[in-house]
Amino acid sequence: MHPTKAPGPDGMSPIFFHQYWDIVGPDVVSCVLEVLNSGVMPYDINETYICLILKVASPQKITEFRPISLCNVVYKTNSKVLANRLKKILREVVDESQSAFVPGRSITDNVLVAFETMHCIAQRRKGKQALMAVKIDMSKAYDRVEWLYLEAIMKKMGFHKKWIVLMMMCVSTVSYSVLINGEPKGKIVPSRGLRQGDPISPYLFLLCTEGLLAMLKKEEKEGHIKGVAVSRGAPSVSHLLFTDDCILFCKASVLECDRVLKVLKDYERVSGQKLNKEKTSLYFSKNTDRGVQEQVKQKFGAEIICHHEKYLGLPPLVGRGKRKAFNRIKDQVGRKIARWKGKLLSNAGREVLIKAVAQATPTYTMSVFKLPDSLCKDLNSLMGNFWWGQKERERKLAWVSWEKLCTSKAEGGMGFRDLKAFNLALLTKQGWRIMENPNSLVHRVYKAKYFAK
């Protein structure tokens, strides 16, 4: 556990237990083993504070806060033990379309499959079979999970009775107090929901979404919903999930729209989840009839868009204007550097900021896409100007070229990254990772579309 995370009701961060383990360790171990072996948790251990984190700069509604749970360290130790055991089997019990929190899977798997599928939909300009993508978001997903549904899902998946008792003990014995100006107020005893801040919660939410995936796969098996295959021999993709962020692919027809809506409504009814229509969007292939688009739009109550702006933080469609698609990276780095320029920083301070922040900002994007050379050059220029101390509307002489600064310190440089070379290295690493996992969804999609050629 992180040593300085915010303390829960016990008032102590994990660093206290780290420092004085020789004194408190035996009692903590004894308590944790007693809870795990008996399946009974003392009431005080699962008391929790709720801290409200701002989602926007000036919140006006309660939905613009994110509730984070601050748990006792002893409880988190119990939860962490259970989470570590559950992680070992997640890959066998969780569907391949889910990549969040599953060991051996990566968020980029979903991004790559989504990009290829969206590209296939965008290229469908002719033909009778039109395609569509539905990007959906569940409102307050963790907070709405019904405990009876969670218990039923674990029984259906074949978990042992004792394990289910331990899981339900963690979620059902909780009580909340809300921190207002740093002081706990009130006493809330919930009847549903998972805590954001509990080590076991992300894995339990994965199990909950297996219910939705089972219903979608059943509809697909019966032929009511047909996914999208990017090429001949490629697997049909009908859904991709990353926690509560879901994107569905199917034929653009009123009939398939009705089947998808039926699945979502059934899932909402049993799980407690609720579709957030404000964040739901529809994307159709160019050969979709305008009347069909309007009917589907009315049924979903969502907007039709030219392309999804982002999927998991990255653009799902990149056309010829690559520079325009990735210009936000330059804006992000530029804003950060602009904030630093007004501060008196030593050379060591500037070096740390460039390496740890500025050059780390585009890493996620570069692990999936090859950035234009001109953009890499502009980013290098921004960081070079900052290194030499240039401020706005000021020019200073660069005594050493940026290429020289990107060499190692042993060779006289500063060890900065050459973004173009780093981009290629990340893509190569991504390619080897895909090749080494032949059973993964992303490998089978790429094998059918590219490797077979």
Protein backbone atom coordinates (compact mmCIF):
# COMPACT_ATOMS: atom_id res chain seq x y z
CA MET A 1 0.00 0.00 0.00
CA HIS A 2 1.13 3.53 -0.75
CA PRO A 3 2.73 4.83 2.49
CA THR A 4 1.16 8.30 2.51
CA LYS A 5 -2.36 7.73 1.21
CA ALA A 6 -5.10 9.64 3.05
CA PRO A 7 -5.94 7.93 6.37
CA GLY A 8 -9.33 6.42 7.10
CA PRO A 9 -11.22 6.46 10.41
CA ASP A 10 -8.25 4.87 12.21
CA GLY A 11 -6.32 8.11 11.55
CA MET A 12 -3.17 6.32 10.42
CA SER A 13 -1.61 5.97 6.97
CA PRO A 14 0.21 2.78 5.92
CA ILE A 15 3.57 4.44 6.66
CA PHE A 16 2.82 4.11 10.40
CA PHE A 17 2.44 0.33 10.02
CA HIS A 18 5.57 0.18 7.83
CA GLN A 19 7.68 2.00 10.41
CA TYR A 20 6.39 0.18 13.50
CA TRP A 21 5.65 -3.26 12.08
CA ASP A 22 7.76 -4.95 14.74
CA ILE A 23 5.29 -3.61 17.34
CA VAL A 24 1.89 -3.68 15.57
CA GLY A 25 2.61 -6.43 13.02
CA PRO A 26 1.64 -9.51 15.07
CA ASP A 27 -1.69 -7.96 16.09
CA VAL A 28 -2.49 -6.93 12.50
CA VAL A 29 -1.67 -10.42 11.16
CA SER A 30 -3.76 -12.06 13.89
CA CYS A 31 -6.74 -9.78 13.15
CA VAL A 32 -6.56 -10.34 9.39
CA LEU A 33 -6.31 -14.13 9.72
CA GLU A 34 -9.22 -14.19 12.17
CA VAL A 35 -11.44 -12.29 9.72
CA LEU A 36 -10.42 -14.44 6.72
CA ASN A 37 -10.86 -17.73 8.55
CA SER A 38 -14.12 -16.90 10.32
CA GLY A 39 -15.80 -14.84 7.59
CA VAL A 40 -16.93 -12.36 10.24
CA MET A 41 -15.67 -8.77 10.25
CA PRO A 42 -15.82 -6.57 13.36
CA TYR A 43 -18.08 -3.59 12.68
CA ASP A 44 -15.49 -0.89 13.40
CA ILE A 45 -12.95 -2.23 10.89
CA ASN A 46 -15.19 -1.48 7.90
CA GLU A 47 -16.10 2.09 8.86
CA THR A 48 -15.26 4.38 5.95
CA TYR A 49 -14.91 8.09 5.29
CA ILE A 50 -16.10 9.54 1.97
CA CYS A 51 -14.05 12.34 0.44
CA LEU A 52 -15.65 14.24 -2.48
CA ILE A 53 -13.20 15.00 -5.30
CA LEU A 54 -14.02 17.72 -7.83
CA LYS A 55 -14.62 16.59 -11.43
CA VAL A 56 -14.85 20.17 -12.75
CA ALA A 57 -13.44 23.51 -11.64
CA SER A 58 -16.73 24.99 -10.36
CA PRO A 59 -19.18 22.18 -9.52
CA GLN A 60 -22.89 23.00 -9.46
CA LYS A 61 -24.39 19.50 -9.07
CA ILE A 62 -23.62 16.57 -6.81
CA THR A 63 -22.90 14.47 -9.92
CA GLU A 64 -19.87 16.71 -10.55
CA PHE A 65 -18.13 15.22 -7.51
CA ARG A 66 -16.38 11.85 -7.42
CA PRO A 67 -16.80 10.05 -4.06
CA ILE A 68 -13.58 8.36 -2.94
CA SER A 69 -13.65 5.97 0.02
CA LEU A 70 -11.00 6.21 2.73
CA CYS A 71 -10.77 2.81 4.41
CA ASN A 72 -8.98 1.63 7.54
CA VAL A 73 -5.57 0.10 6.89
CA VAL A 74 -6.51 -3.17 8.61
CA TYR A 75 -9.57 -3.50 6.37
CA LYS A 76 -7.51 -2.70 3.26
CA THR A 77 -5.08 -5.45 4.27
CA ASN A 78 -7.96 -7.94 4.34
CA SER A 79 -9.25 -6.68 1.02
CA LYS A 80 -5.79 -6.72 -0.56
CA VAL A 81 -5.24 -10.38 0.40
CA LEU A 82 -8.52 -11.33 -1.26
CA ALA A 83 -7.79 -9.17 -4.32
CA ASN A 84 -4.38 -10.79 -4.82
CA ARG A 85 -5.97 -14.24 -4.79
CA LEU A 86 -8.76 -13.21 -7.17
CA LYS A 87 -6.28 -11.69 -9.65
CA LYS A 88 -4.70 -15.11 -10.27
CA ILE A 89 -7.84 -16.49 -11.92
CA LEU A 90 -9.27 -13.35 -13.54
CA ARG A 91 -7.81 -14.18 -16.94
CA GLU A 92 -9.71 -17.50 -16.96
CA VAL A 93 -13.09 -16.17 -15.79
CA VAL A 94 -13.26 -12.68 -17.37
CA ASP A 95 -14.17 -12.29 -21.05
CA GLU A 96 -11.38 -11.34 -23.47
CA SER A 97 -13.19 -8.12 -24.40
CA GLN A 98 -12.41 -6.75 -20.91
CA SER A 99 -8.85 -5.53 -20.45
CA ALA A 100 -9.09 -3.47 -17.25
CA PHE A 101 -7.29 -4.79 -14.14
CA VAL A 102 -6.70 -8.23 -15.69
CA PRO A 103 -3.04 -9.38 -15.44
CA GLY A 104 -1.50 -9.94 -18.86
CA ARG A 105 -3.93 -7.63 -20.64
CA SER A 106 -3.44 -3.97 -21.50
CA ILE A 107 -5.69 -0.97 -22.04
CA THR A 108 -4.08 -0.60 -25.46
CA ASP A 109 -5.59 -3.95 -26.54
CA ASN A 110 -9.06 -2.41 -26.50
CA VAL A 111 -7.82 0.78 -28.17
CA LEU A 112 -6.23 -1.15 -31.06
CA VAL A 113 -9.27 -3.39 -31.64
CA ALA A 114 -11.62 -0.39 -31.40
CA PHE A 115 -9.48 1.58 -33.87
CA GLU A 116 -9.52 -1.23 -36.44
CA THR A 117 -13.27 -1.81 -36.03
CA MET A 118 -14.11 1.90 -36.27
CA HIS A 119 -11.89 2.16 -39.36
CA CYS A 120 -13.83 -0.73 -40.91
CA ILE A 121 -17.14 1.05 -40.21
CA ALA A 122 -15.82 4.33 -41.64
CA GLN A 123 -14.75 2.55 -44.85
CA ARG A 124 -18.19 0.97 -45.39
CA ARG A 125 -19.58 3.33 -48.06
CA LYS A 126 -21.56 0.92 -50.24
CA GLY A 127 -23.61 -2.24 -49.84
CA LYS A 128 -26.83 -3.25 -48.18
CA GLN A 129 -25.35 -4.08 -44.76
CA ALA A 130 -24.77 -0.87 -42.82
CA LEU A 131 -22.80 -0.83 -39.58
CA MET A 132 -22.92 1.23 -36.41
CA ALA A 133 -21.03 1.76 -33.16
CA VAL A 134 -22.68 2.71 -29.87
CA LYS A 135 -20.47 4.23 -27.19
CA ILE A 136 -22.24 3.93 -23.85
CA ASP A 137 -21.42 5.03 -20.32
CA MET A 138 -22.97 3.85 -17.07
CA SER A 139 -23.93 6.59 -14.60
CA LYS A 140 -22.25 6.20 -11.18
CA ALA A 141 -21.45 2.60 -12.12
CA TYR A 142 -19.72 1.53 -8.89
CA ASP A 143 -22.28 3.17 -6.62
CA ARG A 144 -25.28 1.43 -8.23
CA VAL A 145 -24.17 -2.23 -8.09
CA GLU A 146 -26.85 -4.37 -6.41
CA TRP A 147 -25.38 -6.74 -3.83
CA LEU A 148 -27.90 -9.51 -4.61
CA TYR A 149 -26.88 -9.33 -8.27
CA LEU A 150 -23.18 -9.52 -7.39
CA GLU A 151 -23.78 -12.56 -5.18
CA ALA A 152 -25.87 -14.26 -7.89
CA ILE A 153 -23.18 -13.63 -10.53
CA MET A 154 -20.48 -15.21 -8.35
CA LYS A 155 -22.68 -18.25 -7.72
CA LYS A 156 -23.36 -18.58 -11.45
CA MET A 157 -19.64 -18.35 -12.22
CA GLY A 158 -18.95 -21.23 -9.82
CA PHE A 159 -17.15 -19.51 -6.94
CA HIS A 160 -17.00 -21.44 -3.66
CA LYS A 161 -19.56 -20.57 -0.97
CA LYS A 162 -16.86 -19.53 1.50
CA TRP A 163 -15.30 -17.20 -1.06
CA ILE A 164 -18.68 -15.60 -1.77
CA VAL A 165 -19.19 -15.10 1.99
CA LEU A 166 -15.83 -13.32 2.21
CA MET A 167 -16.64 -11.09 -0.78
CA MET A 168 -20.07 -10.15 0.52
CA MET A 169 -18.58 -9.53 3.97
CA CYS A 170 -16.34 -6.85 2.45
CA VAL A 171 -19.15 -5.01 0.65
CA SER A 172 -22.11 -5.45 2.99
CA THR A 173 -20.60 -4.56 6.41
CA VAL A 174 -19.59 -1.04 5.39
CA SER A 175 -20.80 2.22 6.95
CA TYR A 176 -19.99 5.73 5.68
CA SER A 177 -19.34 9.17 7.10
CA VAL A 178 -18.88 12.12 4.73
CA LEU A 179 -15.89 14.42 5.26
CA ILE A 180 -17.04 18.06 5.24
CA ASN A 181 -14.19 20.54 5.71
CA GLY A 182 -12.10 17.68 7.04
CA GLU A 183 -14.63 16.56 9.70
CA PRO A 184 -16.77 13.38 9.43
CA LYS A 185 -20.51 14.05 9.37
CA GLY A 186 -23.46 11.69 9.54
CA LYS A 187 -23.74 7.92 9.43
CA ILE A 188 -24.79 6.17 6.24
CA VAL A 189 -25.50 2.44 6.08
CA PRO A 190 -25.79 1.52 2.36
CA SER A 191 -27.78 -1.30 0.80
CA ARG A 192 -25.88 -1.44 -2.51
CA GLY A 193 -22.76 -0.16 -4.26
CA LEU A 194 -19.00 -0.74 -4.39
CA ARG A 195 -16.43 1.65 -2.96
CA GLN A 196 -13.94 3.54 -5.12
CA GLY A 197 -10.89 3.16 -2.91
CA ASP A 198 -11.42 -0.45 -1.83
CA PRO A 199 -8.71 -2.73 -3.37
CA ILE A 200 -11.27 -5.44 -4.19
CA SER A 201 -13.86 -3.18 -5.88
CA PRO A 202 -12.38 -3.05 -9.44
CA TYR A 203 -12.27 -6.85 -9.64
CA LEU A 204 -15.81 -7.26 -8.30
CA PHE A 205 -17.05 -4.77 -10.88
CA LEU A 206 -15.44 -6.89 -13.61
CA LEU A 207 -17.47 -9.85 -12.38
CA CYS A 208 -20.64 -7.72 -12.46
CA THR A 209 -20.12 -6.75 -16.11
CA GLU A 210 -19.79 -10.42 -17.01
CA GLY A 211 -23.58 -10.53 -16.76
CA LEU A 212 -23.90 -7.93 -19.52
CA LEU A 213 -21.35 -9.75 -21.67
CA ALA A 214 -23.15 -13.07 -21.21
CA MET A 215 -26.41 -11.54 -22.47
CA LEU A 216 -24.68 -9.91 -25.45
CA LYS A 217 -22.93 -13.17 -26.39
CA LYS A 218 -26.21 -15.06 -26.11
CA GLU A 219 -27.89 -12.60 -28.50
CA GLU A 220 -24.93 -12.90 -30.87
CA LYS A 221 -24.99 -16.71 -30.72
CA GLU A 222 -28.71 -16.75 -31.53
CA GLY A 223 -28.13 -14.43 -34.48
CA HIS A 224 -30.08 -11.46 -33.12
CA ILE A 225 -26.95 -9.28 -32.95
CA LYS A 226 -24.13 -9.46 -35.48
CA GLY A 227 -20.76 -7.95 -34.65
CA VAL A 228 -18.25 -6.37 -37.02
CA ALA A 229 -15.37 -8.31 -38.58
CA VAL A 230 -12.56 -6.09 -39.90
CA SER A 231 -11.65 -8.58 -42.65
CA ARG A 232 -12.24 -12.13 -43.81
CA GLY A 233 -11.21 -14.63 -41.18
CA ALA A 234 -11.15 -11.99 -38.43
CA PRO A 235 -13.21 -12.56 -35.27
CA SER A 236 -16.54 -10.77 -35.08
CA VAL A 237 -16.38 -7.99 -32.48
CA SER A 238 -19.68 -6.94 -30.90
CA HIS A 239 -18.48 -5.32 -27.67
CA LEU A 240 -15.43 -3.91 -25.91
CA LEU A 241 -15.40 -2.95 -22.23
CA PHE A 242 -13.01 -1.11 -19.96
CA THR A 243 -14.72 -0.96 -16.53
CA ASP A 244 -17.84 1.19 -17.14
CA ASP A 245 -16.68 2.47 -20.55
CA CYS A 246 -18.35 0.30 -23.19
CA ILE A 247 -18.54 0.41 -26.98
CA LEU A 248 -20.91 -1.88 -28.93
CA PHE A 249 -20.69 -2.80 -32.63
CA CYS A 250 -23.59 -4.18 -34.68
CA LYS A 251 -25.53 -3.89 -37.92
CA ALA A 252 -27.26 -0.54 -38.38
CA SER A 253 -30.87 -1.70 -38.27
CA VAL A 254 -33.89 -0.98 -36.09
CA LEU A 255 -34.22 -4.69 -35.28
CA GLU A 256 -30.67 -5.01 -33.89
CA CYS A 257 -31.09 -1.69 -32.10
CA ASP A 258 -34.14 -3.11 -30.29
CA ARG A 259 -32.20 -6.22 -29.26
CA VAL A 260 -29.31 -4.14 -27.91
CA LEU A 261 -31.70 -1.90 -25.97
CA LYS A 262 -33.46 -4.97 -24.53
CA VAL A 263 -30.14 -6.33 -23.28
CA LEU A 264 -29.21 -2.99 -21.72
CA LYS A 265 -32.60 -2.61 -20.03
CA ASP A 266 -32.46 -6.15 -18.63
CA TYR A 267 -28.95 -5.46 -17.34
CA GLU A 268 -30.06 -2.17 -15.77
CA ARG A 269 -33.00 -3.88 -14.07
CA VAL A 270 -31.02 -6.70 -12.44
CA SER A 271 -27.69 -4.97 -11.73
CA GLY A 272 -28.86 -1.52 -10.67
CA GLN A 273 -26.84 0.16 -13.43
CA LYS A 274 -28.27 3.10 -15.36
CA LEU A 275 -27.35 4.22 -18.87
CA ASN A 276 -26.00 7.77 -19.00
CA LYS A 277 -27.68 9.11 -22.15
CA GLU A 278 -25.74 12.37 -22.01
CA LYS A 279 -22.50 10.50 -22.66
CA THR A 280 -23.97 7.97 -25.10
CA SER A 281 -23.20 8.53 -28.79
CA LEU A 282 -23.95 6.80 -32.10
CA TYR A 283 -21.72 6.43 -35.15
CA PHE A 284 -23.00 5.03 -38.47
CA SER A 285 -21.30 3.89 -41.64
CA LYS A 286 -21.86 6.11 -44.67
CA ASN A 287 -24.22 3.63 -46.36
CA THR A 288 -26.76 3.79 -43.50
CA ASP A 289 -30.20 5.04 -44.53
CA ARG A 290 -31.07 8.43 -43.01
CA GLY A 291 -34.45 7.17 -41.81
CA VAL A 292 -32.81 4.27 -39.96
CA GLN A 293 -30.37 6.68 -38.31
CA GLU A 294 -33.22 8.85 -37.02
CA GLN A 295 -35.16 5.87 -35.68
CA VAL A 296 -32.12 4.49 -33.84
CA LYS A 297 -31.34 7.96 -32.49
CA GLN A 298 -34.84 8.31 -31.04
CA LYS A 299 -34.72 4.88 -29.43
CA PHE A 300 -31.38 5.49 -27.73
CA GLY A 301 -32.03 9.16 -26.97
CA ALA A 302 -28.43 9.87 -27.99
CA GLU A 303 -26.63 12.10 -30.48
CA ILE A 304 -25.32 11.03 -33.88
CA ILE A 305 -21.70 12.08 -34.32
CA CYS A 306 -19.23 12.13 -37.21
CA HIS A 307 -16.70 10.24 -35.08
CA HIS A 308 -16.21 9.50 -31.40
CA GLU A 309 -13.94 12.18 -29.98
CA LYS A 310 -12.10 9.81 -27.67
CA TYR A 311 -12.11 6.19 -26.64
CA LEU A 312 -10.04 5.51 -23.52
CA GLY A 313 -8.32 8.86 -24.01
CA LEU A 314 -7.29 8.29 -27.65
CA PRO A 315 -8.96 9.12 -30.98
CA PRO A 316 -10.66 5.98 -32.37
CA LEU A 317 -10.47 7.35 -35.91
CA VAL A 318 -7.39 9.00 -37.42
CA GLY A 319 -7.71 10.09 -41.04
CA ARG A 320 -5.25 11.90 -43.24
CA GLY A 321 -5.09 14.84 -40.85
CA LYS A 322 -2.90 13.12 -38.28
CA ARG A 323 -1.44 16.43 -37.15
CA LYS A 324 -4.90 17.73 -36.26
CA ALA A 325 -5.82 14.51 -34.41
CA PHE A 326 -2.75 14.69 -32.16
CA ASN A 327 -2.37 18.45 -31.74
CA ARG A 328 -3.88 18.16 -28.27
CA ILE A 329 -0.58 16.60 -27.12
CA LYS A 330 1.29 19.74 -28.14
CA ASP A 331 -1.33 21.84 -26.32
CA GLN A 332 -0.98 19.75 -23.14
CA VAL A 333 2.81 19.97 -23.12
CA GLY A 334 2.69 23.67 -24.01
CA ARG A 335 0.34 24.47 -21.11
CA LYS A 336 2.53 22.63 -18.63
CA ILE A 337 5.69 24.34 -19.83
CA ALA A 338 3.97 27.75 -19.75
CA ARG A 339 3.16 27.24 -16.06
CA TRP A 340 6.78 26.34 -15.28
CA LYS A 341 8.35 29.26 -17.15
CA GLY A 342 7.31 31.79 -14.55
CA LYS A 343 9.14 29.95 -11.79
CA LEU A 344 12.78 30.21 -10.79
CA LEU A 345 14.05 26.72 -11.58
CA SER A 346 17.57 25.35 -11.49
CA ASN A 347 18.95 23.27 -14.35
CA ALA A 348 18.34 20.14 -12.26
CA GLY A 349 14.72 21.18 -11.72
CA ARG A 350 14.18 21.77 -15.44
CA GLU A 351 15.77 18.41 -16.24
CA VAL A 352 13.41 16.57 -13.88
CA LEU A 353 10.32 18.35 -15.25
CA ILE A 354 11.27 17.62 -18.86
CA LYS A 355 12.02 13.93 -18.23
CA ALA A 356 9.28 13.11 -15.72
CA VAL A 357 6.41 15.24 -17.05
CA ALA A 358 6.86 16.81 -20.50
CA GLN A 359 8.37 13.77 -22.22
CA ALA A 360 6.08 11.36 -20.33
CA THR A 361 2.87 13.12 -21.46
CA PRO A 362 2.72 11.62 -25.00
CA THR A 363 3.89 8.14 -23.95
CA TYR A 364 0.40 6.58 -23.85
CA THR A 365 -0.48 7.91 -27.32
CA MET A 366 2.91 6.91 -28.75
CA SER A 367 2.42 3.32 -27.60
CA VAL A 368 -0.49 3.02 -30.07
CA PHE A 369 0.05 5.57 -32.85
CA LYS A 370 3.07 6.84 -34.79
CA LEU A 371 3.12 10.60 -34.30
CA PRO A 372 3.90 12.84 -37.30
CA ASP A 373 7.56 13.82 -37.54
CA SER A 374 6.60 17.51 -37.56
CA LEU A 375 4.76 17.11 -34.24
CA CYS A 376 7.76 15.37 -32.64
CA LYS A 377 9.93 18.23 -33.91
CA ASP A 378 7.58 20.84 -32.39
CA LEU A 379 7.54 19.02 -29.03
CA ASN A 380 11.33 18.84 -29.03
CA SER A 381 11.43 22.56 -29.80
CA LEU A 382 9.11 23.38 -26.87
CA MET A 383 11.25 21.38 -24.46
CA GLY A 384 14.49 22.74 -25.89
CA ASN A 385 13.33 26.34 -25.42
CA PHE A 386 12.34 25.56 -21.86
CA TRP A 387 15.70 23.93 -21.17
CA TRP A 388 17.63 26.99 -22.33
CA GLY A 389 15.40 29.27 -20.24
CA GLN A 390 13.50 31.00 -23.04
CA LYS A 391 10.33 32.79 -21.99
CA GLU A 392 7.43 33.98 -24.13
CA ARG A 393 8.53 36.33 -26.95
CA GLU A 394 12.16 35.82 -26.02
CA ARG A 395 14.97 34.13 -27.92
CA LYS A 396 18.07 32.70 -26.33
CA LEU A 397 20.96 30.99 -27.98
CA ALA A 398 20.94 27.18 -27.75
CA TRP A 399 24.56 26.32 -27.08
CA VAL A 400 24.11 22.62 -27.86
CA SER A 401 21.78 20.96 -30.37
CA TRP A 402 18.80 18.98 -29.08
CA GLU A 403 20.18 15.84 -30.72
CA LYS A 404 23.30 16.17 -28.58
CA LEU A 405 21.20 16.68 -25.44
CA CYS A 406 19.36 13.42 -26.22
CA THR A 407 22.56 11.39 -25.91
CA SER A 408 23.51 9.80 -22.58
CA LYS A 409 25.32 11.78 -19.91
CA ALA A 410 28.37 9.53 -20.36
CA GLU A 411 28.57 10.82 -23.94
CA GLY A 412 28.20 14.46 -22.96
CA GLY A 413 24.41 14.78 -23.31
CA MET A 414 21.56 15.09 -20.80
CA GLY A 415 19.80 11.78 -21.43
CA PHE A 416 16.61 13.35 -22.83
CA ARG A 417 14.46 11.18 -25.07
CA ASP A 418 14.46 11.46 -28.83
CA LEU A 419 10.66 11.36 -29.20
CA LYS A 420 10.71 9.95 -32.73
CA ALA A 421 12.99 7.06 -31.77
CA PHE A 422 11.09 6.52 -28.52
CA ASN A 423 7.81 6.36 -30.46
CA LEU A 424 9.20 3.64 -32.75
CA ALA A 425 10.55 1.70 -29.76
CA LEU A 426 7.13 1.74 -28.05
CA LEU A 427 5.38 0.56 -31.22
CA THR A 428 7.92 -2.24 -31.65
CA LYS A 429 7.38 -3.33 -28.06
CA GLN A 430 3.61 -3.26 -28.63
CA GLY A 431 4.01 -5.40 -31.74
CA TRP A 432 6.09 -8.03 -29.93
CA ARG A 433 3.55 -8.12 -27.08
CA ILE A 434 0.74 -8.79 -29.54
CA MET A 435 2.75 -11.51 -31.31
CA GLU A 436 3.54 -13.26 -28.04
CA ASN A 437 -0.16 -13.60 -27.09
CA PRO A 438 -1.70 -15.63 -29.95
CA ASN A 439 -4.94 -16.30 -28.04
CA SER A 440 -5.71 -12.62 -27.41
CA LEU A 441 -8.45 -10.82 -29.33
CA VAL A 442 -6.10 -8.13 -30.64
CA HIS A 443 -3.69 -10.79 -32.02
CA ARG A 444 -6.47 -12.59 -33.90
CA VAL A 445 -7.77 -9.31 -35.35
CA TYR A 446 -4.31 -8.23 -36.51
CA LYS A 447 -3.41 -11.71 -37.78
CA ALA A 448 -6.47 -11.80 -40.03
CA LYS A 449 -6.00 -8.27 -41.36
CA TYR A 450 -2.22 -7.86 -41.57
CA PHE A 451 -0.15 -10.92 -40.63
CA ALA A 452 -1.88 -13.23 -43.11
CA LYS A 453 -0.72 -10.97 -45.92
